[in-house]
Amino acid sequence: MANDKKTPVDIVALQSKVWLTPEEAAKYMSLSRRQVDILRTKGTPNNGTLPFSQIGKSIFIRRTNIDKYLTEHEVKSAV
């Protein structure tokens, strides 16, 4: 019988990488690949886009840029 559960993401392995593919970035941020593409190309309203590098058709996102982007978009509690 096939296992329908998704395999767990090895966050430790992703944290040790400098450059992530869009698929790895999606796993790292718990987003869909499409959401990562939107952040990369369009960003969010009134905010910048997620920086990336492109070599040919291959796209790479620096993990530290993901961490910085998430920190800059952190919502502070009003409590």
PDB file of N, CA and C in Angstrom:
ATOM      1  N   MET A   1       0.840  -1.176   0.000  1.00  0.00           N
ATOM      2  CA  MET A   1       0.000   0.000   0.000  1.00  0.00           C
ATOM      3  C   MET A   1       0.886   1.240   0.000  1.00  0.00           C
ATOM      4  N   ALA A   2       0.601   2.178  -0.871  1.00  0.00           N
ATOM      5  CA  ALA A   2       1.420   3.377  -1.005  1.00  0.00           C
ATOM      6  C   ALA A   2       1.209   4.302   0.183  1.00  0.00           C
ATOM      7  N   ASN A   3       2.285   4.966   0.563  1.00  0.00           N
ATOM      8  CA  ASN A   3       2.218   5.922   1.651  1.00  0.00           C
ATOM      9  C   ASN A   3       1.779   7.268   1.085  1.00  0.00           C
ATOM     10  N   ASP A   4       0.595   7.744   1.485  1.00  0.00           N
ATOM     11  CA  ASP A   4       0.060   9.002   0.970  1.00  0.00           C
ATOM     12  C   ASP A   4       0.611  10.221   1.691  1.00  0.00           C
ATOM     13  N   LYS A   5       1.302  10.030   2.807  1.00  0.00           N
ATOM     14  CA  LYS A   5       1.854  11.152   3.549  1.00  0.00           C
ATOM     15  C   LYS A   5       3.059  11.714   2.814  1.00  0.00           C
ATOM     16  N   LYS A   6       3.187  13.042   2.866  1.00  0.00           N
ATOM     17  CA  LYS A   6       4.342  13.687   2.261  1.00  0.00           C
ATOM     18  C   LYS A   6       5.571  13.373   3.108  1.00  0.00           C
ATOM     19  N   THR A   7       6.701  13.235   2.446  1.00  0.00           N
ATOM     20  CA  THR A   7       7.928  13.002   3.189  1.00  0.00           C
ATOM     21  C   THR A   7       8.303  14.267   3.936  1.00  0.00           C
ATOM     22  N   PRO A   8       8.795  14.140   5.169  1.00  0.00           N
ATOM     23  CA  PRO A   8       9.138  15.331   5.944  1.00  0.00           C
ATOM     24  C   PRO A   8      10.305  16.080   5.297  1.00  0.00           C
ATOM     25  N   VAL A   9      10.252  17.378   5.386  1.00  0.00           N
ATOM     26  CA  VAL A   9      11.308  18.219   4.830  1.00  0.00           C
ATOM     27  C   VAL A   9      12.490  18.191   5.785  1.00  0.00           C
ATOM     28  N   ASP A  10      13.667  17.961   5.256  1.00  0.00           N
ATOM     29  CA  ASP A  10      14.871  17.966   6.070  1.00  0.00           C
ATOM     30  C   ASP A  10      15.369  19.404   6.166  1.00  0.00           C
ATOM     31  N   ILE A  11      14.818  20.147   7.126  1.00  0.00           N
ATOM     32  CA  ILE A  11      15.153  21.556   7.299  1.00  0.00           C
ATOM     33  C   ILE A  11      16.632  21.727   7.604  1.00  0.00           C
ATOM     34  N   VAL A  12      17.213  20.815   8.354  1.00  0.00           N
ATOM     35  CA  VAL A  12      18.638  20.913   8.685  1.00  0.00           C
ATOM     36  C   VAL A  12      19.469  20.900   7.404  1.00  0.00           C
ATOM     37  N   ALA A  13      19.126  20.037   6.469  1.00  0.00           N
ATOM     38  CA  ALA A  13      19.854  19.980   5.205  1.00  0.00           C
ATOM     39  C   ALA A  13      19.675  21.277   4.425  1.00  0.00           C
ATOM     40  N   LEU A  14      18.466  21.840   4.421  1.00  0.00           N
ATOM     41  CA  LEU A  14      18.226  23.088   3.707  1.00  0.00           C
ATOM     42  C   LEU A  14      18.953  24.250   4.379  1.00  0.00           C
ATOM     43  N   GLN A  15      19.032  24.233   5.713  1.00  0.00           N
ATOM     44  CA  GLN A  15      19.712  25.304   6.434  1.00  0.00           C
ATOM     45  C   GLN A  15      21.213  25.294   6.186  1.00  0.00           C
ATOM     46  N   SER A  16      21.754  24.165   5.788  1.00  0.00           N
ATOM     47  CA  SER A  16      23.191  24.083   5.547  1.00  0.00           C
ATOM     48  C   SER A  16      23.566  24.507   4.129  1.00  0.00           C
ATOM     49  N   LYS A  17      22.571  24.710   3.272  1.00  0.00           N
ATOM     50  CA  LYS A  17      22.839  25.108   1.885  1.00  0.00           C
ATOM     51  C   LYS A  17      22.891  26.629   1.770  1.00  0.00           C
ATOM     52  N   VAL A  18      23.736  27.119   0.883  1.00  0.00           N
ATOM     53  CA  VAL A  18      23.826  28.557   0.632  1.00  0.00           C
ATOM     54  C   VAL A  18      22.770  28.975  -0.388  1.00  0.00           C
ATOM     55  N   TRP A  19      22.638  28.210  -1.469  1.00  0.00           N
ATOM     56  CA  TRP A  19      21.700  28.511  -2.546  1.00  0.00           C
ATOM     57  C   TRP A  19      20.618  27.440  -2.596  1.00  0.00           C
ATOM     58  N   LEU A  20      19.370  27.873  -2.741  1.00  0.00           N
ATOM     59  CA  LEU A  20      18.235  26.954  -2.831  1.00  0.00           C
ATOM     60  C   LEU A  20      17.555  27.112  -4.179  1.00  0.00           C
ATOM     61  N   THR A  21      17.029  26.014  -4.692  1.00  0.00           N
ATOM     62  CA  THR A  21      16.183  26.085  -5.872  1.00  0.00           C
ATOM     63  C   THR A  21      14.821  26.624  -5.436  1.00  0.00           C
ATOM     64  N   PRO A  22      13.985  27.072  -6.358  1.00  0.00           N
ATOM     65  CA  PRO A  22      12.647  27.523  -5.962  1.00  0.00           C
ATOM     66  C   PRO A  22      11.852  26.440  -5.219  1.00  0.00           C
ATOM     67  N   GLU A  23      12.035  25.176  -5.598  1.00  0.00           N
ATOM     68  CA  GLU A  23      11.337  24.089  -4.909  1.00  0.00           C
ATOM     69  C   GLU A  23      11.823  23.963  -3.463  1.00  0.00           C
ATOM     70  N   GLU A  24      13.131  24.049  -3.278  1.00  0.00           N
ATOM     71  CA  GLU A  24      13.694  23.974  -1.922  1.00  0.00           C
ATOM     72  C   GLU A  24      13.288  25.186  -1.108  1.00  0.00           C
ATOM     73  N   ALA A  25      13.274  26.359  -1.727  1.00  0.00           N
ATOM     74  CA  ALA A  25      12.851  27.579  -1.041  1.00  0.00           C
ATOM     75  C   ALA A  25      11.398  27.454  -0.592  1.00  0.00           C
ATOM     76  N   ALA A  26      10.564  26.865  -1.426  1.00  0.00           N
ATOM     77  CA  ALA A  26       9.162  26.661  -1.059  1.00  0.00           C
ATOM     78  C   ALA A  26       9.052  25.758   0.172  1.00  0.00           C
ATOM     79  N   LYS A  27       9.822  24.686   0.191  1.00  0.00           N
ATOM     80  CA  LYS A  27       9.813  23.788   1.354  1.00  0.00           C
ATOM     81  C   LYS A  27      10.337  24.518   2.584  1.00  0.00           C
ATOM     82  N   TYR A  28      11.400  25.273   2.417  1.00  0.00           N
ATOM     83  CA  TYR A  28      12.021  26.003   3.525  1.00  0.00           C
ATOM     84  C   TYR A  28      11.049  26.997   4.154  1.00  0.00           C
ATOM     85  N   MET A  29      10.221  27.649   3.317  1.00  0.00           N
ATOM     86  CA  MET A  29       9.274  28.652   3.812  1.00  0.00           C
ATOM     87  C   MET A  29       7.870  28.099   4.025  1.00  0.00           C
ATOM     88  N   SER A  30       7.669  26.820   3.763  1.00  0.00           N
ATOM     89  CA  SER A  30       6.338  26.191   3.877  1.00  0.00           C
ATOM     90  C   SER A  30       5.322  26.883   2.978  1.00  0.00           C
ATOM     91  N   LEU A  31       5.741  27.170   1.753  1.00  0.00           N
ATOM     92  CA  LEU A  31       4.884  27.785   0.750  1.00  0.00           C
ATOM     93  C   LEU A  31       4.843  26.889  -0.479  1.00  0.00           C
ATOM     94  N   SER A  32       3.957  27.220  -1.416  1.00  0.00           N
ATOM     95  CA  SER A  32       3.937  26.500  -2.685  1.00  0.00           C
ATOM     96  C   SER A  32       5.000  27.094  -3.608  1.00  0.00           C
ATOM     97  N   ARG A  33       5.377  26.347  -4.609  1.00  0.00           N
ATOM     98  CA  ARG A  33       6.337  26.842  -5.602  1.00  0.00           C
ATOM     99  C   ARG A  33       5.784  28.100  -6.262  1.00  0.00           C
ATOM    100  N   ARG A  34       4.500  28.128  -6.538  1.00  0.00           N
ATOM    101  CA  ARG A  34       3.863  29.288  -7.171  1.00  0.00           C
ATOM    102  C   ARG A  34       3.983  30.532  -6.290  1.00  0.00           C
ATOM    103  N   GLN A  35       3.785  30.367  -4.984  1.00  0.00           N
ATOM    104  CA  GLN A  35       3.905  31.506  -4.071  1.00  0.00           C
ATOM    105  C   GLN A  35       5.333  32.058  -4.065  1.00  0.00           C
ATOM    106  N   VAL A  36       6.318  31.180  -4.136  1.00  0.00           N
ATOM    107  CA  VAL A  36       7.719  31.618  -4.201  1.00  0.00           C
ATOM    108  C   VAL A  36       7.952  32.392  -5.496  1.00  0.00           C
ATOM    109  N   ASP A  37       7.414  31.896  -6.601  1.00  0.00           N
ATOM    110  CA  ASP A  37       7.560  32.598  -7.881  1.00  0.00           C
ATOM    111  C   ASP A  37       6.933  33.990  -7.836  1.00  0.00           C
ATOM    112  N   ILE A  38       5.799  34.116  -7.179  1.00  0.00           N
ATOM    113  CA  ILE A  38       5.146  35.427  -7.046  1.00  0.00           C
ATOM    114  C   ILE A  38       6.006  36.366  -6.200  1.00  0.00           C
ATOM    115  N   LEU A  39       6.543  35.868  -5.097  1.00  0.00           N
ATOM    116  CA  LEU A  39       7.414  36.700  -4.260  1.00  0.00           C
ATOM    117  C   LEU A  39       8.664  37.121  -5.027  1.00  0.00           C
ATOM    118  N   ARG A  40       9.153  36.240  -5.875  1.00  0.00           N
ATOM    119  CA  ARG A  40      10.351  36.508  -6.667  1.00  0.00           C
ATOM    120  C   ARG A  40      10.105  37.547  -7.746  1.00  0.00           C
ATOM    121  N   THR A  41       8.967  37.474  -8.404  1.00  0.00           N
ATOM    122  CA  THR A  41       8.713  38.317  -9.568  1.00  0.00           C
ATOM    123  C   THR A  41       7.870  39.554  -9.275  1.00  0.00           C
ATOM    124  N   LYS A  42       6.910  39.432  -8.373  1.00  0.00           N
ATOM    125  CA  LYS A  42       6.003  40.547  -8.107  1.00  0.00           C
ATOM    126  C   LYS A  42       6.129  41.098  -6.696  1.00  0.00           C
ATOM    127  N   GLY A  43       6.626  40.295  -5.774  1.00  0.00           N
ATOM    128  CA  GLY A  43       6.707  40.722  -4.392  1.00  0.00           C
ATOM    129  C   GLY A  43       5.328  40.805  -3.760  1.00  0.00           C
ATOM    130  N   THR A  44       5.232  41.614  -2.735  1.00  0.00           N
ATOM    131  CA  THR A  44       3.962  41.843  -2.061  1.00  0.00           C
ATOM    132  C   THR A  44       3.633  43.322  -2.192  1.00  0.00           C
ATOM    133  N   PRO A  45       2.380  43.701  -2.030  1.00  0.00           N
ATOM    134  CA  PRO A  45       2.023  45.117  -2.162  1.00  0.00           C
ATOM    135  C   PRO A  45       2.874  45.990  -1.240  1.00  0.00           C
ATOM    136  N   ASN A  46       3.409  47.070  -1.780  1.00  0.00           N
ATOM    137  CA  ASN A  46       4.221  48.046  -1.044  1.00  0.00           C
ATOM    138  C   ASN A  46       5.539  47.480  -0.518  1.00  0.00           C
ATOM    139  N   ASN A  47       5.943  46.304  -0.968  1.00  0.00           N
ATOM    140  CA  ASN A  47       7.202  45.708  -0.525  1.00  0.00           C
ATOM    141  C   ASN A  47       7.971  45.201  -1.728  1.00  0.00           C
ATOM    142  N   GLY A  48       9.241  44.992  -1.529  1.00  0.00           N
ATOM    143  CA  GLY A  48      10.085  44.532  -2.616  1.00  0.00           C
ATOM    144  C   GLY A  48       9.915  43.047  -2.890  1.00  0.00           C
ATOM    145  N   THR A  49      10.652  42.593  -3.875  1.00  0.00           N
ATOM    146  CA  THR A  49      10.610  41.195  -4.262  1.00  0.00           C
ATOM    147  C   THR A  49      11.705  40.413  -3.555  1.00  0.00           C
ATOM    148  N   LEU A  50      11.593  39.101  -3.600  1.00  0.00           N
ATOM    149  CA  LEU A  50      12.599  38.201  -3.041  1.00  0.00           C
ATOM    150  C   LEU A  50      13.747  38.111  -4.045  1.00  0.00           C
ATOM    151  N   PRO A  51      14.969  38.528  -3.655  1.00  0.00           N
ATOM    152  CA  PRO A  51      16.093  38.498  -4.596  1.00  0.00           C
ATOM    153  C   PRO A  51      16.435  37.077  -5.042  1.00  0.00           C
ATOM    154  N   PHE A  52      16.905  36.940  -6.286  1.00  0.00           N
ATOM    155  CA  PHE A  52      17.307  35.631  -6.800  1.00  0.00           C
ATOM    156  C   PHE A  52      18.368  35.817  -7.866  1.00  0.00           C
ATOM    157  N   SER A  53      19.033  34.736  -8.209  1.00  0.00           N
ATOM    158  CA  SER A  53      20.012  34.722  -9.297  1.00  0.00           C
ATOM    159  C   SER A  53      19.524  33.747 -10.354  1.00  0.00           C
ATOM    160  N   GLN A  54      19.882  34.036 -11.600  1.00  0.00           N
ATOM    161  CA  GLN A  54      19.469  33.167 -12.692  1.00  0.00           C
ATOM    162  C   GLN A  54      20.653  32.902 -13.608  1.00  0.00           C
ATOM    163  N   ILE A  55      20.878  31.630 -13.889  1.00  0.00           N
ATOM    164  CA  ILE A  55      21.894  31.214 -14.851  1.00  0.00           C
ATOM    165  C   ILE A  55      21.157  30.376 -15.888  1.00  0.00           C
ATOM    166  N   GLY A  56      21.034  30.911 -17.082  1.00  0.00           N
ATOM    167  CA  GLY A  56      20.225  30.246 -18.097  1.00  0.00           C
ATOM    168  C   GLY A  56      18.783  30.200 -17.618  1.00  0.00           C
ATOM    169  N   LYS A  57      18.218  29.018 -17.570  1.00  0.00           N
ATOM    170  CA  LYS A  57      16.842  28.856 -17.077  1.00  0.00           C
ATOM    171  C   LYS A  57      16.802  28.463 -15.606  1.00  0.00           C
ATOM    172  N   SER A  58      17.960  28.221 -15.017  1.00  0.00           N
ATOM    173  CA  SER A  58      18.024  27.801 -13.612  1.00  0.00           C
ATOM    174  C   SER A  58      17.962  29.008 -12.689  1.00  0.00           C
ATOM    175  N   ILE A  59      17.140  28.895 -11.649  1.00  0.00           N
ATOM    176  CA  ILE A  59      16.950  29.964 -10.677  1.00  0.00           C
ATOM    177  C   ILE A  59      17.458  29.492  -9.326  1.00  0.00           C
ATOM    178  N   PHE A  60      18.154  30.403  -8.635  1.00  0.00           N
ATOM    179  CA  PHE A  60      18.695  30.100  -7.319  1.00  0.00           C
ATOM    180  C   PHE A  60      18.385  31.249  -6.372  1.00  0.00           C
ATOM    181  N   ILE A  61      18.023  30.908  -5.140  1.00  0.00           N
ATOM    182  CA  ILE A  61      17.691  31.906  -4.133  1.00  0.00           C
ATOM    183  C   ILE A  61      18.615  31.679  -2.942  1.00  0.00           C
ATOM    184  N   ARG A  62      19.324  32.731  -2.549  1.00  0.00           N
ATOM    185  CA  ARG A  62      20.234  32.626  -1.401  1.00  0.00           C
ATOM    186  C   ARG A  62      19.396  32.461  -0.127  1.00  0.00           C
ATOM    187  N   ARG A  63      19.717  31.449   0.663  1.00  0.00           N
ATOM    188  CA  ARG A  63      18.948  31.165   1.873  1.00  0.00           C
ATOM    189  C   ARG A  63      18.944  32.350   2.835  1.00  0.00           C
ATOM    190  N   THR A  64      20.068  33.045   2.958  1.00  0.00           N
ATOM    191  CA  THR A  64      20.114  34.200   3.857  1.00  0.00           C
ATOM    192  C   THR A  64      19.185  35.321   3.376  1.00  0.00           C
ATOM    193  N   ASN A  65      18.971  35.423   2.059  1.00  0.00           N
ATOM    194  CA  ASN A  65      18.011  36.415   1.547  1.00  0.00           C
ATOM    195  C   ASN A  65      16.583  36.036   1.914  1.00  0.00           C
ATOM    196  N   ILE A  66      16.307  34.746   1.952  1.00  0.00           N
ATOM    197  CA  ILE A  66      14.974  34.285   2.386  1.00  0.00           C
ATOM    198  C   ILE A  66      14.762  34.660   3.844  1.00  0.00           C
ATOM    199  N   ASP A  67      15.763  34.367   4.691  1.00  0.00           N
ATOM    200  CA  ASP A  67      15.656  34.693   6.118  1.00  0.00           C
ATOM    201  C   ASP A  67      15.462  36.194   6.317  1.00  0.00           C
ATOM    202  N   LYS A  68      16.220  36.997   5.573  1.00  0.00           N
ATOM    203  CA  LYS A  68      16.113  38.456   5.679  1.00  0.00           C
ATOM    204  C   LYS A  68      14.730  38.917   5.227  1.00  0.00           C
ATOM    205  N   TYR A  69      14.249  38.378   4.116  1.00  0.00           N
ATOM    206  CA  TYR A  69      12.935  38.746   3.587  1.00  0.00           C
ATOM    207  C   TYR A  69      11.838  38.433   4.602  1.00  0.00           C
ATOM    208  N   LEU A  70      11.905  37.248   5.201  1.00  0.00           N
ATOM    209  CA  LEU A  70      10.895  36.867   6.191  1.00  0.00           C
ATOM    210  C   LEU A  70      10.956  37.773   7.419  1.00  0.00           C
ATOM    211  N   THR A  71      12.162  38.116   7.863  1.00  0.00           N
ATOM    212  CA  THR A  71      12.321  38.990   9.025  1.00  0.00           C
ATOM    213  C   THR A  71      11.789  40.385   8.730  1.00  0.00           C
ATOM    214  N   GLU A  72      12.076  40.897   7.548  1.00  0.00           N
ATOM    215  CA  GLU A  72      11.599  42.234   7.165  1.00  0.00           C
ATOM    216  C   GLU A  72      10.082  42.296   7.046  1.00  0.00           C
ATOM    217  N   HIS A  73       9.439  41.175   6.797  1.00  0.00           N
ATOM    218  CA  HIS A  73       7.985  41.143   6.628  1.00  0.00           C
ATOM    219  C   HIS A  73       7.277  40.559   7.857  1.00  0.00           C
ATOM    220  N   GLU A  74       7.993  40.495   8.935  1.00  0.00           N
ATOM    221  CA  GLU A  74       7.412  39.980  10.175  1.00  0.00           C
ATOM    222  C   GLU A  74       6.371  40.960  10.701  1.00  0.00           C
ATOM    223  N   VAL A  75       5.235  40.423  11.116  1.00  0.00           N
ATOM    224  CA  VAL A  75       4.157  41.237  11.662  1.00  0.00           C
ATOM    225  C   VAL A  75       4.299  41.232  13.173  1.00  0.00           C
ATOM    226  N   LYS A  76       4.440  42.414  13.719  1.00  0.00           N
ATOM    227  CA  LYS A  76       4.586  42.559  15.171  1.00  0.00           C
ATOM    228  C   LYS A  76       3.202  42.495  15.830  1.00  0.00           C
ATOM    229  N   SER A  77       3.128  41.814  16.942  1.00  0.00           N
ATOM    230  CA  SER A  77       1.883  41.703  17.679  1.00  0.00           C
ATOM    231  C   SER A  77       1.524  43.043  18.308  1.00  0.00           C
ATOM    232  N   ALA A  78       0.241  43.363  18.312  1.00  0.00           N
ATOM    233  CA  ALA A  78      -0.234  44.614  18.897  1.00  0.00           C
ATOM    234  C   ALA A  78      -0.492  44.479  20.387  1.00  0.00           C
ATOM    235  N   VAL A  79      -0.245  43.306  20.931  1.00  0.00           N
ATOM    236  CA  VAL A  79      -0.540  43.057  22.352  1.00  0.00           C
ATOM    237  C   VAL A  79       0.546  43.638  23.214  1.00  0.00           C
TER     238      VAL A  79
END
